[in-house]
Amino acid sequence: MDPIQYWDMTYQEITVSIEAYTARRKADLQLEAVLSYRQAQLIGKLVSRALGDKQKPPELQEAFPGIFPEELFDQRQDWRLMKERVAAYGARHRKRGEKKHGHDGRGTTSIDNGRDQSAPPRSGERPEAAE
């Protein structure tokens, strides 16, 4: 609040504003205390794990319940779906590479080395045998 707003307020508005600030500050301190306490618990569990405790440390959603949505962590996918996605990505990548490098699907292992079949053979080249 700036000074001009303060001087335009009544006594009751000032009192309510001070009480609201005090309540907000107290809630912030309580949140900080809870987070610090929880962080200390997690550090203790991780140190005990490092020193040989067999118990696994809690996952993030277990350590801070209610903060992170469950959907964020339950994204296990079927391997068939992942296989389809990888195959589609590979097909797009190959298609982009063909466009970029001028390949039209024909290899360069033939006699004409990828030359257009409609053009007549150049002098000194033998024509391909008809099949």
Protein backbone atom coordinates (compact mmCIF):
# COMPACT_ATOMS: atom_id res chain seq x y z
CA MET A 1 0.00 0.00 0.00
CA ASP A 2 1.34 3.39 -0.87
CA PRO A 3 1.17 6.43 1.45
CA ILE A 4 -1.57 8.16 -0.54
CA GLN A 5 -3.90 5.16 -0.15
CA TYR A 6 -3.08 4.98 3.57
CA TRP A 7 -4.09 8.59 4.23
CA ASP A 8 -7.36 8.12 2.30
CA MET A 9 -8.41 5.14 4.48
CA THR A 10 -10.61 5.21 7.56
CA TYR A 11 -9.50 3.86 10.93
CA GLN A 12 -11.54 0.67 10.43
CA GLU A 13 -10.03 0.08 6.95
CA ILE A 14 -6.53 0.50 8.36
CA THR A 15 -7.27 -1.99 11.16
CA VAL A 16 -8.68 -4.55 8.70
CA SER A 17 -5.67 -4.07 6.41
CA ILE A 18 -3.22 -4.62 9.29
CA GLU A 19 -5.09 -7.73 10.46
CA ALA A 20 -5.14 -9.12 6.92
CA TYR A 21 -1.39 -8.52 6.55
CA THR A 22 -0.73 -10.22 9.91
CA ALA A 23 -2.88 -13.23 8.97
CA ARG A 24 -1.20 -13.53 5.56
CA ARG A 25 2.27 -13.31 7.12
CA LYS A 26 1.36 -15.96 9.72
CA ALA A 27 0.07 -18.31 6.98
CA ASP A 28 3.31 -17.80 5.02
CA LEU A 29 5.39 -18.61 8.13
CA GLN A 30 3.33 -21.76 8.77
CA LEU A 31 3.87 -22.88 5.18
CA GLU A 32 7.61 -22.29 5.46
CA ALA A 33 7.70 -24.24 8.73
CA VAL A 34 5.85 -27.21 7.22
CA LEU A 35 8.12 -27.23 4.16
CA SER A 36 11.25 -27.01 6.30
CA TYR A 37 10.05 -29.82 8.55
CA ARG A 38 9.19 -32.02 5.57
CA GLN A 39 12.53 -31.26 3.94
CA ALA A 40 14.35 -32.27 7.13
CA GLN A 41 12.41 -35.57 7.17
CA LEU A 42 13.37 -36.26 3.55
CA ILE A 43 17.03 -35.46 4.19
CA GLY A 44 16.98 -37.82 7.18
CA LYS A 45 15.48 -40.62 5.09
CA LEU A 46 18.00 -40.11 2.28
CA VAL A 47 20.94 -40.09 4.70
CA SER A 48 19.68 -43.25 6.40
CA ARG A 49 19.33 -44.86 2.96
CA ALA A 50 22.92 -43.87 2.14
CA LEU A 51 24.10 -45.39 5.42
CA GLY A 52 22.53 -48.76 4.69
CA ASP A 53 18.82 -48.56 5.47
CA LYS A 54 16.80 -50.91 3.25
CA GLN A 55 13.73 -48.67 3.08
CA LYS A 56 13.26 -46.75 -0.17
CA PRO A 57 12.96 -42.96 0.01
CA PRO A 58 9.49 -41.63 -0.76
CA GLU A 59 8.54 -40.54 -4.25
CA LEU A 60 7.87 -36.87 -4.95
CA GLN A 61 4.08 -37.22 -4.84
CA GLU A 62 4.37 -39.14 -1.55
CA ALA A 63 6.72 -36.55 -0.05
CA PHE A 64 4.45 -33.62 -0.96
CA PRO A 65 0.90 -34.98 -1.21
CA GLY A 66 -1.71 -32.81 -2.84
CA ILE A 67 0.75 -30.49 -4.55
CA PHE A 68 1.39 -32.42 -7.75
CA PRO A 69 -1.48 -33.91 -9.80
CA GLU A 70 -1.60 -37.71 -9.98
CA GLU A 71 -1.93 -37.62 -13.78
CA LEU A 72 1.59 -36.23 -13.96
CA PHE A 73 3.05 -39.41 -12.50
CA ASP A 74 0.70 -42.03 -13.98
CA GLN A 75 1.90 -41.72 -17.55
CA ARG A 76 3.00 -45.30 -18.08
CA GLN A 77 2.42 -46.18 -21.72
CA ASP A 78 1.91 -49.41 -23.54
CA TRP A 79 5.02 -50.55 -25.41
CA ARG A 80 2.96 -51.10 -28.58
CA LEU A 81 1.89 -47.47 -28.58
CA MET A 82 5.49 -46.33 -28.12
CA LYS A 83 6.61 -48.65 -30.94
CA GLU A 84 4.02 -47.10 -33.28
CA ARG A 85 5.12 -43.59 -32.36
CA VAL A 86 8.79 -44.38 -32.97
CA ALA A 87 7.96 -45.99 -36.34
CA ALA A 88 5.88 -42.95 -37.37
CA TYR A 89 8.70 -40.63 -36.34
CA GLY A 90 11.19 -42.67 -38.37
CA ALA A 91 8.94 -42.59 -41.42
CA ARG A 92 8.55 -38.80 -41.17
CA HIS A 93 12.30 -38.41 -40.72
CA ARG A 94 13.06 -40.57 -43.76
CA LYS A 95 10.48 -38.71 -45.86
CA ARG A 96 11.98 -35.37 -44.85
CA GLY A 97 15.45 -36.67 -45.72
CA GLU A 98 14.28 -37.76 -49.16
CA LYS A 99 12.82 -34.35 -49.88
CA LYS A 100 15.89 -32.57 -48.54
CA HIS A 101 18.44 -34.65 -50.45
CA GLY A 102 16.41 -35.19 -53.62
CA HIS A 103 16.02 -38.94 -53.26
CA ASP A 104 12.90 -40.32 -54.87
CA GLY A 105 13.05 -43.78 -53.37
CA ARG A 106 15.30 -45.26 -56.05
CA GLY A 107 18.72 -46.38 -55.00
CA THR A 108 21.89 -45.44 -56.85
CA THR A 109 23.05 -48.99 -57.33
CA SER A 110 21.57 -49.36 -60.82
CA ILE A 111 23.49 -48.68 -64.02
CA ASP A 112 21.84 -45.32 -64.57
CA ASN A 113 22.81 -44.07 -61.09
CA GLY A 114 19.40 -42.59 -60.43
CA ARG A 115 19.12 -40.83 -63.84
CA ASP A 116 15.64 -40.30 -65.22
CA GLN A 117 14.56 -43.31 -67.32
CA SER A 118 12.67 -41.15 -69.88
CA ALA A 119 15.86 -39.45 -71.11
CA PRO A 120 17.76 -41.14 -73.93
CA PRO A 121 21.13 -42.69 -73.02
CA ARG A 122 24.14 -40.48 -73.45
CA SER A 123 26.72 -41.32 -76.08
CA GLY A 124 29.14 -43.97 -75.00
CA GLU A 125 26.68 -45.58 -72.58
CA ARG A 126 25.10 -48.87 -73.27
CA PRO A 127 21.31 -49.03 -73.16
CA GLU A 128 19.72 -51.15 -70.46
CA ALA A 129 18.44 -54.53 -71.44
CA ALA A 130 14.66 -54.74 -71.73
CA GLU A 131 13.06 -56.98 -69.23
